[in-house]
Amino acid sequence: MEWTTLLLSAAAFLPLLTQMEDPVAQTGFRAKQALRTGTIRLDGPIEEVFPLFTPIEEKKWAAGWDPKPVWPESGEVVEGMVFTVDEAPGRVFWVVTHYDAQRHEIAYANVLPGQTLNRIEIGCKAAGAQTECTVRYAFVGLSDEGNKFVDFHSEEAYAAKMRHWEEAINYRLKTGKTMEHH
C-alpha cells in the first residue's frame, strides 16, 4: 500500500476519532505519579551483577518472577524486547526501552492494563569489588485502583523494596541460590 493511500485511509477515520469522548473528562479521574530512586550495593563484580537485571536472569534472585518472552521468542535481551509476567492483579506487559550492556544500563516500561504504567531505569557501576546500582521507578496510576498502587509506593515502602533487592541479589551472589519470599 502506498503512503498516500495509507494516509488518506487514516484521514477518513479522523472525524470518528474527534467525536469520541474523553473517558478521563467523563469520570474526573486524575492519575497519580510517584518517582522513586534507590541505590543498592552488591557483593560482586559488575560483569556478574549487571546481567541479573535482565528479564530472564532476574529469575535467579527474584522468587516468583517468571517472565514469558513474546519477542524475540528466544528471550534474548535487546532493546524492544517484549515479555509478560503474570502477577496477582493480572498479566503485566513489559518492554525493554533501553539496553546498553557496555554501559551497564537497562530500562523498562510495563503496563497492567487499566491499572498502572511504570518506568524502571537501572544503571550499574563498579565500586571496587562491589557493584553500585541505581534503580529509578516512575509509578503512574491509570485508574483509582492504580492510584492505590502508586500511593502504596511511599519513600519508606520503596526503601524497603530496595533493601529486599540488595539482600536477595547478594544472597544469590554468595550462595548461588534464590532466596525464598519472606
N, C-alpha and C. Protein backbone atom coordinates (compact mmCIF):
# COMPACT_ATOMS: atom_id res chain seq x y z
N MET A 1 0.86 -1.17 0.00
CA MET A 1 0.00 0.00 0.00
C MET A 1 0.90 1.24 0.00
N GLU A 2 0.61 2.19 -0.85
CA GLU A 2 1.40 3.41 -0.92
C GLU A 2 1.08 4.31 0.28
N TRP A 3 2.06 5.15 0.65
CA TRP A 3 1.88 6.04 1.78
C TRP A 3 0.70 6.99 1.61
N THR A 4 0.50 7.50 0.39
CA THR A 4 -0.61 8.44 0.19
C THR A 4 -1.94 7.74 0.41
N THR A 5 -2.05 6.49 -0.05
CA THR A 5 -3.29 5.74 0.16
C THR A 5 -3.50 5.48 1.65
N LEU A 6 -2.40 5.12 2.32
CA LEU A 6 -2.48 4.85 3.76
C LEU A 6 -2.90 6.11 4.53
N LEU A 7 -2.30 7.24 4.18
CA LEU A 7 -2.64 8.49 4.86
C LEU A 7 -4.08 8.88 4.60
N LEU A 8 -4.55 8.72 3.37
CA LEU A 8 -5.94 9.05 3.06
C LEU A 8 -6.89 8.14 3.82
N SER A 9 -6.53 6.85 3.94
CA SER A 9 -7.36 5.91 4.70
C SER A 9 -7.43 6.32 6.17
N ALA A 10 -6.29 6.70 6.73
CA ALA A 10 -6.27 7.13 8.13
C ALA A 10 -7.06 8.41 8.30
N ALA A 11 -6.96 9.32 7.34
CA ALA A 11 -7.67 10.59 7.42
C ALA A 11 -9.18 10.39 7.46
N ALA A 12 -9.66 9.32 6.83
CA ALA A 12 -11.10 9.05 6.82
C ALA A 12 -11.62 8.77 8.22
N PHE A 13 -10.76 8.31 9.13
CA PHE A 13 -11.18 8.00 10.48
C PHE A 13 -11.09 9.18 11.44
N LEU A 14 -10.44 10.25 11.05
CA LEU A 14 -10.26 11.39 11.94
C LEU A 14 -11.58 11.95 12.48
N PRO A 15 -12.60 12.13 11.63
CA PRO A 15 -13.86 12.63 12.20
C PRO A 15 -14.43 11.72 13.29
N LEU A 16 -14.28 10.41 13.13
CA LEU A 16 -14.76 9.48 14.15
C LEU A 16 -13.97 9.63 15.44
N LEU A 17 -12.65 9.79 15.31
CA LEU A 17 -11.81 9.92 16.49
C LEU A 17 -12.11 11.20 17.26
N THR A 18 -12.36 12.28 16.56
CA THR A 18 -12.63 13.55 17.25
C THR A 18 -14.00 13.55 17.92
N GLN A 19 -14.89 12.66 17.48
CA GLN A 19 -16.21 12.58 18.10
C GLN A 19 -16.19 11.73 19.37
N MET A 20 -15.14 10.91 19.53
CA MET A 20 -15.06 10.06 20.72
C MET A 20 -14.89 10.95 21.95
N GLU A 21 -15.56 10.59 23.02
CA GLU A 21 -15.46 11.39 24.24
C GLU A 21 -14.27 10.94 25.07
N ASP A 22 -13.69 11.86 25.75
CA ASP A 22 -12.54 11.61 26.60
C ASP A 22 -13.01 10.95 27.89
N PRO A 23 -12.61 9.67 28.13
CA PRO A 23 -13.08 8.99 29.35
C PRO A 23 -12.60 9.66 30.63
N VAL A 24 -11.42 10.29 30.60
CA VAL A 24 -10.93 10.98 31.79
C VAL A 24 -11.84 12.15 32.13
N ALA A 25 -12.24 12.90 31.09
CA ALA A 25 -13.14 14.04 31.31
C ALA A 25 -14.49 13.57 31.85
N GLN A 26 -14.95 12.40 31.39
CA GLN A 26 -16.23 11.87 31.84
C GLN A 26 -16.21 11.48 33.31
N THR A 27 -15.13 10.86 33.75
CA THR A 27 -15.10 10.33 35.11
C THR A 27 -14.45 11.27 36.11
N GLY A 28 -13.67 12.22 35.63
CA GLY A 28 -12.95 13.10 36.53
C GLY A 28 -11.71 12.45 37.12
N PHE A 29 -11.32 11.28 36.62
CA PHE A 29 -10.14 10.58 37.11
C PHE A 29 -8.89 11.42 36.92
N ARG A 30 -8.04 11.44 37.95
CA ARG A 30 -6.75 12.15 37.88
C ARG A 30 -5.65 11.16 38.26
N ALA A 31 -4.76 10.92 37.32
CA ALA A 31 -3.66 9.97 37.55
C ALA A 31 -2.69 10.52 38.58
N LYS A 32 -2.16 9.60 39.39
CA LYS A 32 -1.11 9.94 40.34
C LYS A 32 0.20 9.36 39.82
N GLN A 33 1.30 10.02 40.18
CA GLN A 33 2.61 9.51 39.84
C GLN A 33 3.50 9.58 41.07
N ALA A 34 4.35 8.58 41.23
CA ALA A 34 5.36 8.59 42.29
C ALA A 34 6.70 8.30 41.64
N LEU A 35 7.69 9.15 41.91
CA LEU A 35 9.05 8.96 41.41
C LEU A 35 9.91 8.52 42.58
N ARG A 36 10.62 7.42 42.41
CA ARG A 36 11.45 6.88 43.48
C ARG A 36 12.81 6.49 42.93
N THR A 37 13.85 6.70 43.74
CA THR A 37 15.21 6.31 43.38
C THR A 37 15.87 5.66 44.57
N GLY A 38 16.61 4.60 44.31
CA GLY A 38 17.36 3.93 45.36
C GLY A 38 18.68 3.42 44.80
N THR A 39 19.66 3.29 45.68
CA THR A 39 20.95 2.75 45.28
C THR A 39 21.25 1.54 46.15
N ILE A 40 21.65 0.46 45.50
CA ILE A 40 21.99 -0.76 46.23
C ILE A 40 23.45 -1.13 45.94
N ARG A 41 24.09 -1.72 46.95
CA ARG A 41 25.49 -2.16 46.81
C ARG A 41 25.49 -3.68 46.81
N LEU A 42 26.08 -4.23 45.76
CA LEU A 42 26.06 -5.67 45.57
C LEU A 42 27.47 -6.24 45.63
N ASP A 43 27.57 -7.42 46.25
CA ASP A 43 28.87 -8.02 46.53
C ASP A 43 29.36 -8.90 45.39
N GLY A 44 29.64 -8.25 44.27
CA GLY A 44 30.17 -8.98 43.13
C GLY A 44 30.62 -8.02 42.06
N PRO A 45 31.42 -8.53 41.11
CA PRO A 45 31.89 -7.68 40.02
C PRO A 45 30.76 -7.34 39.06
N ILE A 46 30.87 -6.18 38.43
CA ILE A 46 29.82 -5.68 37.55
C ILE A 46 29.45 -6.67 36.44
N GLU A 47 30.44 -7.42 35.94
CA GLU A 47 30.17 -8.39 34.87
C GLU A 47 29.25 -9.51 35.33
N GLU A 48 29.27 -9.81 36.62
CA GLU A 48 28.40 -10.83 37.18
C GLU A 48 27.07 -10.25 37.64
N VAL A 49 27.10 -9.01 38.14
CA VAL A 49 25.92 -8.37 38.71
C VAL A 49 24.96 -7.84 37.65
N PHE A 50 25.46 -7.07 36.69
CA PHE A 50 24.56 -6.40 35.75
C PHE A 50 23.60 -7.34 35.03
N PRO A 51 24.05 -8.51 34.54
CA PRO A 51 23.09 -9.39 33.86
C PRO A 51 21.90 -9.81 34.72
N LEU A 52 22.04 -9.76 36.05
CA LEU A 52 20.94 -10.16 36.93
C LEU A 52 19.75 -9.20 36.85
N PHE A 53 19.91 -8.06 36.18
CA PHE A 53 18.81 -7.11 35.99
C PHE A 53 18.10 -7.31 34.66
N THR A 54 18.51 -8.31 33.88
CA THR A 54 17.82 -8.60 32.63
C THR A 54 16.65 -9.54 32.93
N PRO A 55 15.62 -9.56 32.08
CA PRO A 55 14.38 -10.28 32.43
C PRO A 55 14.56 -11.75 32.82
N ILE A 56 15.26 -12.51 32.02
CA ILE A 56 15.37 -13.95 32.30
C ILE A 56 16.31 -14.20 33.48
N GLU A 57 17.43 -13.49 33.54
CA GLU A 57 18.40 -13.68 34.62
C GLU A 57 17.85 -13.25 35.98
N GLU A 58 16.87 -12.35 35.99
CA GLU A 58 16.29 -11.91 37.26
C GLU A 58 15.65 -13.07 38.02
N LYS A 59 15.23 -14.11 37.28
CA LYS A 59 14.65 -15.29 37.92
C LYS A 59 15.60 -15.91 38.94
N LYS A 60 16.90 -15.68 38.76
CA LYS A 60 17.90 -16.28 39.65
C LYS A 60 17.85 -15.71 41.06
N TRP A 61 17.31 -14.51 41.23
CA TRP A 61 17.27 -13.91 42.57
C TRP A 61 15.88 -13.47 43.02
N ALA A 62 14.95 -13.32 42.10
CA ALA A 62 13.61 -12.83 42.45
C ALA A 62 12.63 -13.99 42.49
N ALA A 63 12.37 -14.50 43.69
CA ALA A 63 11.45 -15.62 43.87
C ALA A 63 10.07 -15.26 43.30
N GLY A 64 9.53 -16.14 42.48
CA GLY A 64 8.21 -15.93 41.90
C GLY A 64 8.22 -15.18 40.58
N TRP A 65 9.34 -14.59 40.20
CA TRP A 65 9.45 -13.85 38.93
C TRP A 65 9.53 -14.87 37.79
N ASP A 66 8.59 -14.81 36.85
CA ASP A 66 8.56 -15.80 35.77
C ASP A 66 8.16 -15.13 34.45
N PRO A 67 9.10 -14.43 33.83
CA PRO A 67 8.79 -13.74 32.57
C PRO A 67 8.60 -14.71 31.41
N LYS A 68 7.68 -14.38 30.53
CA LYS A 68 7.42 -15.17 29.32
C LYS A 68 7.76 -14.30 28.11
N PRO A 69 8.85 -14.62 27.40
CA PRO A 69 9.22 -13.82 26.24
C PRO A 69 8.14 -13.84 25.16
N VAL A 70 7.87 -12.67 24.59
CA VAL A 70 6.96 -12.53 23.46
C VAL A 70 7.79 -12.29 22.21
N TRP A 71 8.69 -11.29 22.29
CA TRP A 71 9.60 -11.00 21.19
C TRP A 71 10.91 -10.49 21.74
N PRO A 72 12.04 -10.96 21.30
CA PRO A 72 12.16 -12.18 20.50
C PRO A 72 11.84 -13.41 21.35
N GLU A 73 11.31 -14.43 20.71
CA GLU A 73 10.87 -15.62 21.43
C GLU A 73 11.99 -16.30 22.19
N SER A 74 13.22 -16.12 21.72
CA SER A 74 14.39 -16.75 22.35
C SER A 74 14.64 -16.20 23.76
N GLY A 75 14.11 -15.03 24.07
CA GLY A 75 14.38 -14.40 25.35
C GLY A 75 15.66 -13.59 25.35
N GLU A 76 16.27 -13.45 24.16
CA GLU A 76 17.48 -12.63 24.06
C GLU A 76 17.14 -11.19 24.43
N VAL A 77 17.99 -10.58 25.25
CA VAL A 77 17.75 -9.21 25.68
C VAL A 77 18.22 -8.25 24.59
N VAL A 78 17.28 -7.52 24.04
CA VAL A 78 17.55 -6.49 23.04
C VAL A 78 16.62 -5.33 23.34
N GLU A 79 17.01 -4.16 22.89
CA GLU A 79 16.12 -3.01 23.02
C GLU A 79 14.85 -3.33 22.23
N GLY A 80 13.70 -3.16 22.85
CA GLY A 80 12.43 -3.50 22.21
C GLY A 80 11.91 -4.87 22.59
N MET A 81 12.69 -5.64 23.36
CA MET A 81 12.23 -6.95 23.82
C MET A 81 10.88 -6.79 24.54
N VAL A 82 9.94 -7.70 24.26
CA VAL A 82 8.63 -7.68 24.90
C VAL A 82 8.45 -9.01 25.64
N PHE A 83 7.94 -8.92 26.87
CA PHE A 83 7.64 -10.12 27.64
C PHE A 83 6.47 -9.83 28.57
N THR A 84 5.89 -10.88 29.11
CA THR A 84 4.78 -10.73 30.06
C THR A 84 5.16 -11.41 31.37
N VAL A 85 4.52 -10.94 32.44
CA VAL A 85 4.65 -11.56 33.76
C VAL A 85 3.25 -11.61 34.35
N ASP A 86 2.83 -12.80 34.76
CA ASP A 86 1.53 -12.94 35.41
C ASP A 86 1.70 -12.70 36.91
N GLU A 87 0.99 -11.71 37.42
CA GLU A 87 1.04 -11.36 38.84
C GLU A 87 -0.36 -11.42 39.41
N ALA A 88 -0.47 -11.27 40.71
CA ALA A 88 -1.77 -11.38 41.39
C ALA A 88 -2.86 -10.51 40.73
N PRO A 89 -2.58 -9.23 40.41
CA PRO A 89 -3.66 -8.45 39.82
C PRO A 89 -3.93 -8.76 38.35
N GLY A 90 -3.01 -9.42 37.64
CA GLY A 90 -3.23 -9.74 36.23
C GLY A 90 -1.93 -9.83 35.45
N ARG A 91 -2.07 -9.89 34.13
CA ARG A 91 -0.91 -10.00 33.24
C ARG A 91 -0.30 -8.61 33.01
N VAL A 92 0.99 -8.50 33.31
CA VAL A 92 1.72 -7.25 33.12
C VAL A 92 2.53 -7.38 31.84
N PHE A 93 2.42 -6.37 30.97
CA PHE A 93 3.14 -6.34 29.71
C PHE A 93 4.37 -5.45 29.86
N TRP A 94 5.53 -5.99 29.50
CA TRP A 94 6.82 -5.31 29.68
C TRP A 94 7.50 -5.10 28.34
N VAL A 95 8.28 -4.01 28.24
CA VAL A 95 9.15 -3.78 27.09
C VAL A 95 10.48 -3.22 27.60
N VAL A 96 11.57 -3.72 27.01
CA VAL A 96 12.89 -3.17 27.31
C VAL A 96 13.02 -1.91 26.46
N THR A 97 13.04 -0.76 27.10
CA THR A 97 13.07 0.51 26.36
C THR A 97 14.48 1.01 26.09
N HIS A 98 15.45 0.48 26.83
CA HIS A 98 16.86 0.87 26.64
C HIS A 98 17.72 -0.28 27.13
N TYR A 99 18.75 -0.63 26.36
CA TYR A 99 19.66 -1.68 26.80
C TYR A 99 21.04 -1.38 26.25
N ASP A 100 21.99 -1.17 27.14
CA ASP A 100 23.37 -0.91 26.76
C ASP A 100 24.25 -1.71 27.73
N ALA A 101 24.61 -2.92 27.31
CA ALA A 101 25.38 -3.82 28.17
C ALA A 101 26.77 -3.25 28.47
N GLN A 102 27.37 -2.55 27.52
CA GLN A 102 28.70 -1.98 27.74
C GLN A 102 28.67 -0.90 28.82
N ARG A 103 27.59 -0.12 28.85
CA ARG A 103 27.47 0.95 29.86
C ARG A 103 26.74 0.46 31.12
N HIS A 104 26.31 -0.80 31.11
CA HIS A 104 25.61 -1.43 32.24
C HIS A 104 24.33 -0.68 32.58
N GLU A 105 23.51 -0.44 31.55
CA GLU A 105 22.23 0.26 31.70
C GLU A 105 21.11 -0.56 31.07
N ILE A 106 19.98 -0.60 31.74
CA ILE A 106 18.79 -1.22 31.19
C ILE A 106 17.58 -0.44 31.70
N ALA A 107 16.58 -0.29 30.85
CA ALA A 107 15.35 0.41 31.25
C ALA A 107 14.16 -0.35 30.69
N TYR A 108 13.07 -0.24 31.42
CA TYR A 108 11.84 -0.94 31.08
C TYR A 108 10.65 0.01 31.19
N ALA A 109 9.58 -0.36 30.51
CA ALA A 109 8.26 0.20 30.78
C ALA A 109 7.35 -1.01 30.92
N ASN A 110 6.40 -0.93 31.83
CA ASN A 110 5.43 -2.02 31.93
C ASN A 110 4.04 -1.44 32.16
N VAL A 111 3.05 -2.21 31.75
CA VAL A 111 1.67 -1.76 31.94
C VAL A 111 0.81 -2.94 32.39
N LEU A 112 0.01 -2.66 33.41
CA LEU A 112 -1.06 -3.56 33.81
C LEU A 112 -2.31 -2.85 33.32
N PRO A 113 -2.89 -3.31 32.20
CA PRO A 113 -3.99 -2.57 31.58
C PRO A 113 -5.08 -2.17 32.57
N GLY A 114 -5.44 -0.90 32.48
CA GLY A 114 -6.49 -0.35 33.33
C GLY A 114 -6.05 -0.04 34.74
N GLN A 115 -4.76 -0.32 35.07
CA GLN A 115 -4.31 -0.07 36.44
C GLN A 115 -3.08 0.82 36.53
N THR A 116 -1.94 0.36 35.97
CA THR A 116 -0.71 1.11 36.14
C THR A 116 0.16 1.06 34.90
N LEU A 117 1.00 2.08 34.78
CA LEU A 117 2.08 2.10 33.81
C LEU A 117 3.31 2.57 34.59
N ASN A 118 4.38 1.79 34.51
CA ASN A 118 5.59 2.08 35.28
C ASN A 118 6.80 2.12 34.36
N ARG A 119 7.76 2.96 34.75
CA ARG A 119 9.04 3.01 34.05
C ARG A 119 10.12 2.69 35.07
N ILE A 120 11.10 1.89 34.63
CA ILE A 120 12.19 1.48 35.51
C ILE A 120 13.50 1.71 34.77
N GLU A 121 14.47 2.36 35.42
CA GLU A 121 15.80 2.57 34.86
C GLU A 121 16.82 2.04 35.85
N ILE A 122 17.74 1.21 35.37
CA ILE A 122 18.77 0.65 36.24
C ILE A 122 20.13 0.92 35.60
N GLY A 123 21.02 1.47 36.39
CA GLY A 123 22.38 1.71 35.93
C GLY A 123 23.35 1.21 36.98
N CYS A 124 24.37 0.48 36.56
CA CYS A 124 25.35 -0.10 37.49
C CYS A 124 26.74 0.45 37.20
N LYS A 125 27.53 0.58 38.27
CA LYS A 125 28.92 0.98 38.10
C LYS A 125 29.78 0.22 39.10
N ALA A 126 30.99 -0.09 38.67
CA ALA A 126 31.92 -0.82 39.52
C ALA A 126 32.30 0.05 40.71
N ALA A 127 32.40 -0.58 41.88
CA ALA A 127 32.80 0.11 43.11
C ALA A 127 33.75 -0.82 43.86
N GLY A 128 34.98 -0.90 43.35
CA GLY A 128 35.94 -1.84 43.92
C GLY A 128 35.51 -3.25 43.61
N ALA A 129 35.44 -4.10 44.64
CA ALA A 129 34.99 -5.49 44.45
C ALA A 129 33.46 -5.58 44.41
N GLN A 130 32.81 -4.46 44.66
CA GLN A 130 31.35 -4.42 44.66
C GLN A 130 30.84 -3.74 43.39
N THR A 131 29.52 -3.75 43.24
CA THR A 131 28.85 -3.03 42.17
C THR A 131 27.76 -2.18 42.81
N GLU A 132 27.70 -0.92 42.41
CA GLU A 132 26.68 0.00 42.91
C GLU A 132 25.66 0.20 41.80
N CYS A 133 24.40 -0.05 42.12
CA CYS A 133 23.33 0.05 41.13
C CYS A 133 22.28 1.06 41.60
N THR A 134 21.94 1.96 40.71
CA THR A 134 20.90 2.94 40.97
C THR A 134 19.64 2.48 40.24
N VAL A 135 18.54 2.43 40.98
CA VAL A 135 17.28 1.93 40.44
C VAL A 135 16.25 3.05 40.58
N ARG A 136 15.74 3.51 39.43
CA ARG A 136 14.73 4.58 39.42
C ARG A 136 13.41 4.01 38.91
N TYR A 137 12.35 4.32 39.62
CA TYR A 137 11.00 3.93 39.21
C TYR A 137 10.14 5.18 39.06
N ALA A 138 9.25 5.13 38.08
CA ALA A 138 8.16 6.10 37.97
C ALA A 138 6.88 5.27 37.92
N PHE A 139 6.07 5.37 38.95
CA PHE A 139 4.80 4.65 39.04
C PHE A 139 3.69 5.61 38.63
N VAL A 140 2.81 5.18 37.73
CA VAL A 140 1.70 6.03 37.28
C VAL A 140 0.40 5.22 37.35
N GLY A 141 -0.60 5.77 38.02
CA GLY A 141 -1.91 5.12 38.10
C GLY A 141 -2.74 5.41 36.86
N LEU A 142 -3.43 4.40 36.36
CA LEU A 142 -4.32 4.55 35.21
C LEU A 142 -5.79 4.47 35.61
N SER A 143 -6.02 4.29 36.91
CA SER A 143 -7.38 4.16 37.44
C SER A 143 -7.30 4.42 38.94
N ASP A 144 -8.45 4.44 39.59
CA ASP A 144 -8.44 4.60 41.05
C ASP A 144 -7.66 3.47 41.71
N GLU A 145 -7.85 2.24 41.19
CA GLU A 145 -7.11 1.09 41.72
C GLU A 145 -5.61 1.27 41.49
N GLY A 146 -5.24 1.76 40.32
CA GLY A 146 -3.84 2.03 40.02
C GLY A 146 -3.26 3.11 40.92
N ASN A 147 -4.06 4.12 41.22
CA ASN A 147 -3.59 5.18 42.12
C ASN A 147 -3.30 4.63 43.52
N LYS A 148 -4.06 3.62 43.95
CA LYS A 148 -3.79 2.99 45.25
C LYS A 148 -2.41 2.32 45.22
N PHE A 149 -2.08 1.69 44.08
CA PHE A 149 -0.77 1.07 43.89
C PHE A 149 0.33 2.12 43.98
N VAL A 150 0.10 3.28 43.35
CA VAL A 150 1.07 4.38 43.40
C VAL A 150 1.22 4.85 44.84
N ASP A 151 0.11 5.05 45.55
CA ASP A 151 0.16 5.50 46.94
C ASP A 151 0.94 4.53 47.82
N PHE A 152 0.81 3.24 47.53
CA PHE A 152 1.50 2.21 48.31
C PHE A 152 3.02 2.39 48.23
N HIS A 153 3.51 2.91 47.11
CA HIS A 153 4.95 3.04 46.91
C HIS A 153 5.50 4.35 47.48
N SER A 154 5.31 4.49 48.78
CA SER A 154 5.86 5.63 49.51
C SER A 154 7.38 5.54 49.51
N GLU A 155 8.04 6.59 49.98
CA GLU A 155 9.51 6.56 50.11
C GLU A 155 9.94 5.38 50.99
N GLU A 156 9.20 5.17 52.10
CA GLU A 156 9.54 4.10 53.03
C GLU A 156 9.36 2.73 52.38
N ALA A 157 8.25 2.53 51.67
CA ALA A 157 7.99 1.25 51.01
C ALA A 157 9.03 0.98 49.92
N TYR A 158 9.41 2.03 49.20
CA TYR A 158 10.41 1.86 48.14
C TYR A 158 11.78 1.53 48.75
N ALA A 159 12.13 2.18 49.83
CA ALA A 159 13.40 1.88 50.51
C ALA A 159 13.42 0.42 50.96
N ALA A 160 12.29 -0.08 51.46
CA ALA A 160 12.19 -1.49 51.88
C ALA A 160 12.35 -2.41 50.66
N LYS A 161 11.76 -2.02 49.53
CA LYS A 161 11.90 -2.80 48.29
C LYS A 161 13.37 -2.87 47.89
N MET A 162 14.07 -1.76 47.95
CA MET A 162 15.48 -1.74 47.58
C MET A 162 16.33 -2.57 48.55
N ARG A 163 16.00 -2.52 49.85
CA ARG A 163 16.72 -3.36 50.82
C ARG A 163 16.51 -4.83 50.49
N HIS A 164 15.28 -5.19 50.10
CA HIS A 164 14.99 -6.58 49.73
C HIS A 164 15.78 -6.98 48.48
N TRP A 165 15.80 -6.11 47.48
CA TRP A 165 16.57 -6.41 46.26
C TRP A 165 18.04 -6.65 46.62
N GLU A 166 18.60 -5.76 47.44
CA GLU A 166 20.00 -5.87 47.81
C GLU A 166 20.25 -7.20 48.53
N GLU A 167 19.39 -7.53 49.46
CA GLU A 167 19.53 -8.77 50.23
C GLU A 167 19.39 -10.00 49.31
N ALA A 168 18.37 -10.00 48.46
CA ALA A 168 18.11 -11.15 47.58
C ALA A 168 19.23 -11.34 46.55
N ILE A 169 19.72 -10.25 45.98
CA ILE A 169 20.78 -10.37 44.98
C ILE A 169 22.09 -10.78 45.65
N ASN A 170 22.41 -10.20 46.80
CA ASN A 170 23.63 -10.59 47.50
C ASN A 170 23.57 -12.06 47.95
N TYR A 171 22.39 -12.51 48.35
CA TYR A 171 22.21 -13.92 48.71
C TYR A 171 22.53 -14.80 47.50
N ARG A 172 22.01 -14.41 46.33
CA ARG A 172 22.28 -15.17 45.10
C ARG A 172 23.77 -15.18 44.78
N LEU A 173 24.41 -14.01 44.88
CA LEU A 173 25.83 -13.91 44.58
C LEU A 173 26.67 -14.76 45.54
N LYS A 174 26.25 -14.82 46.80
CA LYS A 174 27.01 -15.56 47.82
C LYS A 174 26.77 -17.06 47.75
N THR A 175 25.50 -17.46 47.55
CA THR A 175 25.14 -18.89 47.67
C THR A 175 24.86 -19.58 46.34
N GLY A 176 24.58 -18.79 45.30
CA GLY A 176 24.17 -19.40 44.03
C GLY A 176 22.72 -19.86 44.05
N LYS A 177 21.98 -19.49 45.09
CA LYS A 177 20.59 -19.92 45.24
C LYS A 177 19.66 -18.72 45.28
N THR A 178 18.38 -18.99 45.07
CA THR A 178 17.35 -17.95 45.14
C THR A 178 16.79 -17.91 46.56
N MET A 179 16.77 -16.73 47.15
CA MET A 179 16.21 -16.54 48.47
C MET A 179 14.69 -16.67 48.38
N GLU A 180 14.09 -17.39 49.29
CA GLU A 180 12.63 -17.53 49.29
C GLU A 180 11.99 -16.23 49.76
N HIS A 181 10.71 -16.05 49.40
CA HIS A 181 9.97 -14.87 49.90
C HIS A 181 10.04 -14.82 51.41
N HIS A 182 10.03 -13.62 51.94
CA HIS A 182 9.99 -13.51 53.42
C HIS A 182 8.96 -12.53 53.84
